[in-house]
Amino acid sequence: MRTLHLFDVYLPSTLSWVAQLLDSLEGVEVEIGAPWLVRNRFYNPKFKYHAFPPQRWFFPKPATEFDFPFWQKVFAASQRRLPTYPFFLEKSLKNNPPDLLHAHFGPTGCLYLPLAKKLNRPLVVTFYGFDYSKLPNLRPVFREKYKRLFEEATKVIAASKVGCEKLENMGCPPEKLAIVPPSPNLRVFKFSLRKKEKERLRLVQIATFTPKKGHLTTLEAFRLALKDCPNMHLTLAGERQYKNLFEQVEKFIQLHDLQENVTLQSFVENHRMSDFMQDFDVFIHPSCYAPDGDHEATPVVLLEAQATGLPVLATTHFDIPAEVLHDRTGLLAPEGDAQSLADHIRRFYFMENEDYQQFSQNARHHVETNFDVKNSARKLRTLYEEIHHS
């Protein structure tokens, strides 16, 4: 079975788990379509790539997602107004179309729905996060586009039951919905049973600096807990996407004299994540709804952290309670509640090593049982087969 996977850009590191999912599909030929292809670590030679001629001519081999940022944005964003890449795919595939098309992100599904109809092939679309609420809020035209997408797509995939409920409320027929959990590669994120010293705590948050990641809540909770938990350190690592937010983070650290207790670090490449996490005791990630409606769906970094044995401090945001089991693999606070999050930090700070290691072991077991990439790949392949034989 041939499947064509459609993206705006293939592939940013924040979607690393998608590359691992596609690599784990057995008995499925994977083809990649995107107006901008990056030849980074996720460029799998066993996949077939449909390179856009203009990129092939002028920018043939971007090695990272950060190469030629202006042109990457132009190539990807311009397709909404001038869909030259879908036209290129139509001409390339009309005599030998794939068995189905799988668009990644709601707006990508809207863009390639006409192509699926012209090729007379079913379209599957996966929603991930910003495409649920942020996009329709910022660009209301997508509310109408989603109606058509939900009517004509064969299947719509979410990461969880919560995501399916959200999509159903947006108008997607329930019989079209399916769940494929995001899953890290457990061979890459290896378990390490750490030893935590009582009254000492090293926290880390690895996340792009965007409002929905809750960095300011992290800092406020850390500041509150530090008053009676002096031997603590917090590391914030991530791409500085929202410059204003990063400046607020820097000002907060300076205003509260946290320079000795907080380290700001740049982007951590996915292949370095597992080793990087070994130096910490707890992963913190207080996700929240942003003012523009943006929100998390299933932050895969929480699964990656738990896979290595890191307990997680997070919030009851969207489907995080299914990712992080409260009082078993981590502790959850209400969204935006810095005081509750500070109390959870204190609990880990004073925790004995025996109790800490139970959290650590529970975290790994939870991910192995419920979020193994091989299981997700089997679910996706079964879904493809059902569509193909219907």
Protein backbone atom coordinates (compact mmCIF):
# COMPACT_ATOMS: atom_id res chain seq x y z
CA MET A 1 0.00 0.00 0.00
CA ARG A 2 1.32 3.45 -0.98
CA THR A 3 0.58 6.42 1.26
CA LEU A 4 1.42 10.03 0.49
CA HIS A 5 2.05 12.12 3.62
CA LEU A 6 1.56 15.84 3.15
CA PHE A 7 3.19 18.62 5.17
CA ASP A 8 3.97 22.31 4.85
CA VAL A 9 7.58 21.55 5.84
CA TYR A 10 9.16 18.13 6.23
CA LEU A 11 10.21 17.96 9.01
CA PRO A 12 10.65 20.27 12.01
CA SER A 13 12.11 18.70 15.12
CA THR A 14 8.91 19.33 17.08
CA LEU A 15 7.35 16.62 14.90
CA SER A 16 10.19 14.14 15.34
CA TRP A 17 7.77 11.52 16.62
CA VAL A 18 5.90 11.65 13.28
CA ALA A 19 9.07 10.60 11.46
CA GLN A 20 9.46 7.73 13.93
CA LEU A 21 5.81 6.74 13.45
CA LEU A 22 6.16 6.63 9.66
CA ASP A 23 9.42 4.69 9.94
CA SER A 24 7.62 2.09 12.09
CA LEU A 25 4.84 1.45 9.56
CA GLU A 26 5.21 -2.13 8.34
CA GLY A 27 3.92 -3.12 4.93
CA VAL A 28 3.30 0.50 3.93
CA GLU A 29 5.23 2.47 1.33
CA VAL A 30 5.72 6.00 2.61
CA GLU A 31 5.94 8.95 0.24
CA ILE A 32 6.47 12.52 1.43
CA GLY A 33 5.02 15.64 -0.15
CA ALA A 34 5.96 19.13 1.04
CA PRO A 35 6.86 22.34 -0.76
CA TRP A 36 9.90 22.59 1.53
CA LEU A 37 11.98 19.51 2.34
CA VAL A 38 14.71 19.55 4.98
CA ARG A 39 17.48 17.00 4.81
CA ASN A 40 17.95 16.73 8.55
CA ARG A 41 18.01 13.62 10.75
CA PHE A 42 14.39 12.86 9.86
CA TYR A 43 15.10 12.61 6.14
CA ASN A 44 14.64 8.84 5.84
CA PRO A 45 16.25 7.42 2.68
CA LYS A 46 13.70 4.62 2.45
CA PHE A 47 10.89 7.14 1.87
CA LYS A 48 10.10 8.55 -1.56
CA TYR A 49 10.16 12.36 -1.66
CA HIS A 50 8.29 14.57 -4.10
CA ALA A 51 10.62 17.56 -4.19
CA PHE A 52 9.17 20.85 -5.42
CA PRO A 53 11.16 21.91 -8.51
CA PRO A 54 11.73 25.54 -7.36
CA GLN A 55 13.27 24.31 -4.11
CA ARG A 56 15.28 21.69 -5.98
CA TRP A 57 16.64 24.36 -8.33
CA PHE A 58 17.48 27.14 -5.86
CA PHE A 59 17.66 25.60 -2.35
CA PRO A 60 18.36 21.93 -2.98
CA LYS A 61 19.54 20.64 0.41
CA PRO A 62 18.63 22.63 3.55
CA ALA A 63 20.36 20.70 6.32
CA THR A 64 18.24 22.06 9.17
CA GLU A 65 14.82 23.59 9.65
CA PHE A 66 16.58 26.89 10.39
CA ASP A 67 18.27 27.21 7.00
CA PHE A 68 16.81 29.87 4.67
CA PRO A 69 13.96 30.76 7.11
CA PHE A 70 12.52 33.47 4.86
CA TRP A 71 12.31 31.22 1.80
CA GLN A 72 11.01 28.31 3.83
CA LYS A 73 8.13 30.49 5.00
CA VAL A 74 7.49 31.78 1.48
CA PHE A 75 7.44 28.30 -0.06
CA ALA A 76 5.09 26.94 2.61
CA ALA A 77 2.75 29.89 3.18
CA SER A 78 2.37 30.86 -0.47
CA GLN A 79 0.56 27.61 -1.23
CA ARG A 80 -2.55 28.90 0.57
CA ARG A 81 -2.90 31.63 -2.07
CA LEU A 82 -1.14 30.12 -5.06
CA PRO A 83 -1.27 26.30 -4.78
CA THR A 84 1.49 25.54 -7.25
CA TYR A 85 2.83 22.58 -5.28
CA PRO A 86 -0.54 20.72 -5.22
CA PHE A 87 -0.69 21.37 -8.99
CA PHE A 88 2.80 19.89 -9.35
CA LEU A 89 1.74 16.81 -7.37
CA GLU A 90 -1.38 16.39 -9.46
CA LYS A 91 0.66 16.32 -12.68
CA SER A 92 3.26 14.01 -11.17
CA LEU A 93 0.82 11.50 -9.68
CA LYS A 94 -2.16 11.45 -12.04
CA ASN A 95 -0.99 8.35 -13.91
CA ASN A 96 0.14 6.49 -10.79
CA PRO A 97 -1.62 7.89 -7.70
CA PRO A 98 -0.95 6.55 -4.19
CA ASP A 99 -3.61 4.48 -2.45
CA LEU A 100 -4.40 7.27 -0.01
CA LEU A 101 -3.31 10.73 1.06
CA HIS A 102 -2.57 11.63 4.69
CA ALA A 103 -2.39 15.35 5.50
CA HIS A 104 -0.71 16.40 8.72
CA PHE A 105 -2.50 19.39 10.37
CA GLY A 106 -5.98 20.65 9.63
CA PRO A 107 -5.04 23.49 7.23
CA THR A 108 -2.84 21.08 5.27
CA GLY A 109 -5.87 18.84 4.91
CA CYS A 110 -7.88 21.77 3.56
CA LEU A 111 -5.14 22.58 1.06
CA TYR A 112 -4.86 19.05 -0.34
CA LEU A 113 -8.52 18.04 -0.26
CA PRO A 114 -8.95 19.11 -3.92
CA LEU A 115 -5.92 17.02 -4.88
CA ALA A 116 -7.42 13.94 -3.22
CA LYS A 117 -10.62 14.46 -5.20
CA LYS A 118 -8.75 14.93 -8.49
CA LEU A 119 -6.74 11.75 -7.87
CA ASN A 120 -9.90 9.98 -6.67
CA ARG A 121 -8.19 8.86 -3.50
CA PRO A 122 -9.28 8.96 0.17
CA LEU A 123 -7.88 11.68 2.40
CA VAL A 124 -6.88 11.16 6.04
CA VAL A 125 -6.04 14.22 8.14
CA THR A 126 -4.44 14.45 11.59
CA PHE A 127 -4.98 17.39 13.94
CA TYR A 128 -2.18 18.31 16.32
CA GLY A 129 -2.76 21.48 18.36
CA PHE A 130 -2.86 24.97 16.91
CA ASP A 131 -5.24 23.76 14.22
CA TYR A 132 -8.00 23.04 16.74
CA SER A 133 -8.71 26.55 18.06
CA LYS A 134 -5.97 29.06 17.30
CA LEU A 135 -6.27 28.94 13.52
CA PRO A 136 -10.09 29.28 13.35
CA ASN A 137 -9.89 32.12 15.91
CA LEU A 138 -7.26 34.03 13.97
CA ARG A 139 -8.66 33.18 10.53
CA PRO A 140 -12.42 32.53 10.74
CA VAL A 141 -12.46 31.45 7.08
CA PHE A 142 -11.12 28.10 8.29
CA ARG A 143 -14.38 27.42 10.10
CA GLU A 144 -16.03 27.05 6.72
CA LYS A 145 -13.04 25.19 5.29
CA TYR A 146 -13.18 22.75 8.19
CA LYS A 147 -16.86 22.06 7.51
CA ARG A 148 -15.99 20.94 4.01
CA LEU A 149 -12.95 19.01 5.25
CA PHE A 150 -15.04 17.13 7.81
CA GLU A 151 -17.65 16.34 5.15
CA GLU A 152 -15.24 15.05 2.52
CA ALA A 153 -12.23 13.60 4.36
CA THR A 154 -12.43 9.85 4.90
CA LYS A 155 -10.92 9.85 8.40
CA VAL A 156 -9.89 12.53 10.90
CA ILE A 157 -7.29 11.54 13.48
CA ALA A 158 -6.69 12.98 16.94
CA ALA A 159 -4.20 11.98 19.60
CA SER A 160 -6.77 11.19 22.27
CA LYS A 161 -10.40 10.94 23.28
CA VAL A 162 -10.27 14.60 24.36
CA GLY A 163 -9.08 15.59 20.89
CA CYS A 164 -11.89 13.58 19.27
CA GLU A 165 -14.47 15.28 21.49
CA LYS A 166 -13.07 18.66 20.48
CA LEU A 167 -13.26 17.79 16.77
CA GLU A 168 -16.79 16.43 17.15
CA ASN A 169 -17.81 19.71 18.79
CA MET A 170 -16.28 21.49 15.81
CA GLY A 171 -18.57 19.55 13.47
CA CYS A 172 -16.68 16.38 12.55
CA PRO A 173 -18.99 13.34 12.30
CA PRO A 174 -18.07 10.95 15.13
CA GLU A 175 -17.91 7.95 12.79
CA LYS A 176 -15.02 9.59 10.93
CA LEU A 177 -12.89 10.08 14.04
CA ALA A 178 -10.00 7.85 15.04
CA ILE A 179 -7.29 7.94 17.71
CA VAL A 180 -3.60 7.37 17.06
CA PRO A 181 -1.54 8.35 20.12
CA PRO A 182 1.75 10.19 19.59
CA SER A 183 4.57 7.96 20.72
CA PRO A 184 8.31 8.37 21.25
CA ASN A 185 10.80 5.81 20.06
CA LEU A 186 11.66 3.94 23.27
CA ARG A 187 14.92 2.72 21.75
CA VAL A 188 16.05 6.35 21.59
CA PHE A 189 14.63 7.50 24.93
CA LYS A 190 16.19 5.00 27.27
CA PHE A 191 15.24 4.56 30.91
CA SER A 192 17.63 5.60 33.66
CA LEU A 193 16.76 5.04 37.32
CA ARG A 194 18.08 8.20 38.94
CA LYS A 195 18.99 8.73 42.57
CA LYS A 196 17.47 11.90 44.00
CA GLU A 197 18.94 13.52 47.07
CA LYS A 198 16.47 14.79 49.64
CA GLU A 199 16.21 18.60 49.81
CA ARG A 200 17.79 19.00 46.41
CA LEU A 201 16.01 19.32 43.08
CA ARG A 202 17.04 19.95 39.48
CA LEU A 203 14.14 20.90 37.24
CA VAL A 204 14.06 21.27 33.48
CA GLN A 205 11.57 22.54 30.92
CA ILE A 206 12.35 21.88 27.25
CA ALA A 207 9.91 23.80 25.11
CA THR A 208 9.75 26.43 22.40
CA PHE A 209 9.11 29.82 24.00
CA THR A 210 5.43 30.24 23.14
CA PRO A 211 2.62 31.34 25.50
CA LYS A 212 0.93 27.93 25.62
CA LYS A 213 4.01 26.34 27.21
CA GLY A 214 3.52 28.27 30.47
CA HIS A 215 7.09 29.46 31.04
CA LEU A 216 6.02 32.37 33.25
CA THR A 217 3.97 30.01 35.42
CA THR A 218 7.03 27.78 35.69
CA LEU A 219 9.12 30.71 36.90
CA GLU A 220 6.53 31.97 39.38
CA ALA A 221 6.04 28.51 40.88
CA PHE A 222 9.81 28.06 41.09
CA ARG A 223 10.18 31.46 42.80
CA LEU A 224 7.52 30.58 45.37
CA ALA A 225 9.00 27.17 46.14
CA LEU A 226 12.55 28.52 46.34
CA LYS A 227 11.66 30.46 49.50
CA ASP A 228 11.79 27.29 51.59
CA CYS A 229 13.57 24.98 49.14
CA PRO A 230 16.93 26.71 48.66
CA ASN A 231 18.92 23.95 46.97
CA MET A 232 17.12 24.01 43.62
CA HIS A 233 17.97 24.82 40.04
CA LEU A 234 15.78 25.32 36.97
CA THR A 235 16.88 25.02 33.33
CA LEU A 236 14.72 26.44 30.55
CA ALA A 237 15.75 25.20 27.11
CA GLY A 238 14.07 25.93 23.82
CA GLU A 239 13.83 27.87 20.61
CA ARG A 240 13.04 31.56 21.22
CA GLN A 241 10.10 31.77 18.86
CA TYR A 242 8.22 34.55 20.69
CA LYS A 243 10.84 37.22 21.35
CA ASN A 244 8.54 39.26 23.61
CA LEU A 245 7.87 36.25 25.81
CA PHE A 246 11.55 35.45 26.07
CA GLU A 247 12.24 39.04 27.10
CA GLN A 248 9.55 38.71 29.81
CA VAL A 249 11.28 35.57 31.04
CA GLU A 250 14.62 37.36 31.21
CA LYS A 251 13.08 40.31 33.06
CA PHE A 252 11.38 38.01 35.56
CA ILE A 253 14.68 36.30 36.34
CA GLN A 254 16.43 39.63 36.84
CA LEU A 255 13.60 41.21 38.85
CA HIS A 256 13.55 38.33 41.34
CA ASP A 257 17.32 37.78 41.45
CA LEU A 258 17.10 34.24 40.10
CA GLN A 259 20.22 34.37 37.96
CA GLU A 260 22.06 31.83 40.12
CA ASN A 261 19.13 29.43 40.18
CA VAL A 262 17.87 29.60 36.59
CA THR A 263 19.76 28.73 33.40
CA LEU A 264 18.48 29.70 29.96
CA GLN A 265 19.62 27.41 27.20
CA SER A 266 19.01 27.36 23.48
CA PHE A 267 17.28 24.74 21.37
CA VAL A 268 18.12 21.10 22.18
CA GLU A 269 18.19 18.85 19.12
CA ASN A 270 15.95 15.82 19.36
CA HIS A 271 18.76 13.27 19.09
CA ARG A 272 20.41 14.91 22.14
CA MET A 273 17.26 15.04 24.27
CA SER A 274 17.57 11.67 25.99
CA ASP A 275 21.14 12.30 27.14
CA PHE A 276 20.33 15.91 28.06
CA MET A 277 17.51 14.83 30.37
CA GLN A 278 19.81 12.58 32.40
CA ASP A 279 21.10 15.55 34.40
CA PHE A 280 17.72 16.42 35.95
CA ASP A 281 15.30 15.11 38.56
CA VAL A 282 11.93 16.44 37.38
CA PHE A 283 10.49 17.71 34.11
CA ILE A 284 8.17 20.72 34.42
CA HIS A 285 5.70 21.85 31.74
CA PRO A 286 2.60 23.85 32.86
CA SER A 287 0.70 24.01 29.56
CA CYS A 288 -2.14 26.53 29.23
CA TYR A 289 -4.52 28.13 26.77
CA ALA A 290 -2.89 31.16 25.12
CA PRO A 291 -4.81 34.43 24.63
CA ASP A 292 -5.18 33.70 20.90
CA GLY A 293 -6.79 30.32 21.59
CA ASP A 294 -3.66 28.28 20.93
CA HIS A 295 -3.26 25.22 23.12
CA GLU A 296 -1.40 21.96 23.45
CA ALA A 297 -2.89 18.65 22.39
CA THR A 298 -0.53 15.88 23.50
CA PRO A 299 2.94 17.34 24.13
CA VAL A 300 5.21 14.48 23.14
CA VAL A 301 8.07 15.89 25.19
CA LEU A 302 6.17 14.80 28.32
CA LEU A 303 6.19 11.23 27.04
CA GLU A 304 9.86 11.46 26.10
CA ALA A 305 10.71 12.74 29.59
CA GLN A 306 8.78 9.96 31.30
CA ALA A 307 10.34 7.37 29.00
CA THR A 308 13.75 8.32 30.41
CA GLY A 309 12.40 8.02 33.96
CA LEU A 310 11.75 11.70 34.65
CA PRO A 311 8.60 12.38 36.69
CA VAL A 312 6.60 15.30 35.30
CA LEU A 313 5.04 18.39 36.84
CA ALA A 314 2.32 19.65 34.50
CA THR A 315 -1.27 20.89 34.36
CA THR A 316 -4.72 19.42 33.77
CA HIS A 317 -4.65 21.01 30.30
CA PHE A 318 -6.42 19.27 27.36
CA ASP A 319 -5.36 15.59 27.34
CA ILE A 320 -2.28 15.87 29.57
CA PRO A 321 -4.04 13.91 32.37
CA ALA A 322 -3.89 10.88 30.05
CA GLU A 323 -0.18 11.47 29.44
CA VAL A 324 0.85 12.18 33.02
CA LEU A 325 -0.93 10.14 35.69
CA HIS A 326 -1.40 12.31 38.78
CA ASP A 327 0.34 10.95 41.86
CA ARG A 328 1.77 8.02 39.88
CA THR A 329 4.04 9.33 37.10
CA GLY A 330 3.98 12.98 38.12
CA LEU A 331 1.83 15.68 39.68
CA LEU A 332 -0.75 17.88 37.95
CA ALA A 333 -1.85 21.38 38.94
CA PRO A 334 -4.79 23.43 37.68
CA GLU A 335 -3.91 25.46 34.62
CA GLY A 336 -2.22 28.77 35.50
CA ASP A 337 -2.09 27.94 39.24
CA ALA A 338 1.49 28.77 40.21
CA GLN A 339 0.85 28.19 43.91
CA SER A 340 -0.35 24.61 43.40
CA LEU A 341 2.57 23.97 41.07
CA ALA A 342 4.93 25.35 43.73
CA ASP A 343 3.45 22.93 46.26
CA HIS A 344 4.17 20.07 43.86
CA ILE A 345 7.76 21.28 43.46
CA ARG A 346 8.11 21.28 47.25
CA ARG A 347 6.80 17.73 47.43
CA PHE A 348 9.49 16.46 45.06
CA TYR A 349 12.12 18.57 46.81
CA PHE A 350 11.49 16.89 50.17
CA MET A 351 10.73 13.45 48.68
CA GLU A 352 12.78 10.46 49.78
CA ASN A 353 14.67 8.61 47.06
CA GLU A 354 12.57 5.45 47.43
CA ASP A 355 9.34 7.34 46.69
CA TYR A 356 11.00 9.28 43.90
CA GLN A 357 12.21 6.13 42.18
CA GLN A 358 8.69 4.69 42.32
CA PHE A 359 7.48 7.73 40.36
CA SER A 360 10.36 7.21 37.93
CA GLN A 361 9.60 3.55 37.32
CA ASN A 362 5.88 4.24 36.98
CA ALA A 363 6.64 6.89 34.35
CA ARG A 364 8.59 4.50 32.13
CA HIS A 365 6.04 1.72 32.54
CA HIS A 366 3.18 4.07 31.64
CA VAL A 367 4.84 5.13 28.38
CA GLU A 368 5.85 1.57 27.47
CA THR A 369 2.29 0.34 28.03
CA ASN A 370 0.30 3.13 26.41
CA PHE A 371 2.55 5.12 24.06
CA ASP A 372 4.93 2.76 22.29
CA VAL A 373 5.50 3.95 18.71
CA LYS A 374 5.15 0.38 17.40
CA ASN A 375 1.61 0.15 18.79
CA SER A 376 0.68 3.51 17.28
CA ALA A 377 2.10 2.43 13.92
CA ARG A 378 -0.02 -0.74 14.02
CA LYS A 379 -3.13 1.32 14.74
CA LEU A 380 -2.38 3.63 11.84
CA ARG A 381 -1.68 0.76 9.44
CA THR A 382 -4.93 -0.95 10.47
CA LEU A 383 -6.78 2.29 9.79
CA TYR A 384 -5.20 2.52 6.32
CA GLU A 385 -6.14 -1.08 5.55
CA GLU A 386 -9.76 -0.53 6.60
CA ILE A 387 -9.98 2.47 4.30
CA HIS A 388 -8.22 0.72 1.44
CA HIS A 389 -10.54 -2.29 1.55
CA SER A 390 -13.77 -0.39 2.11
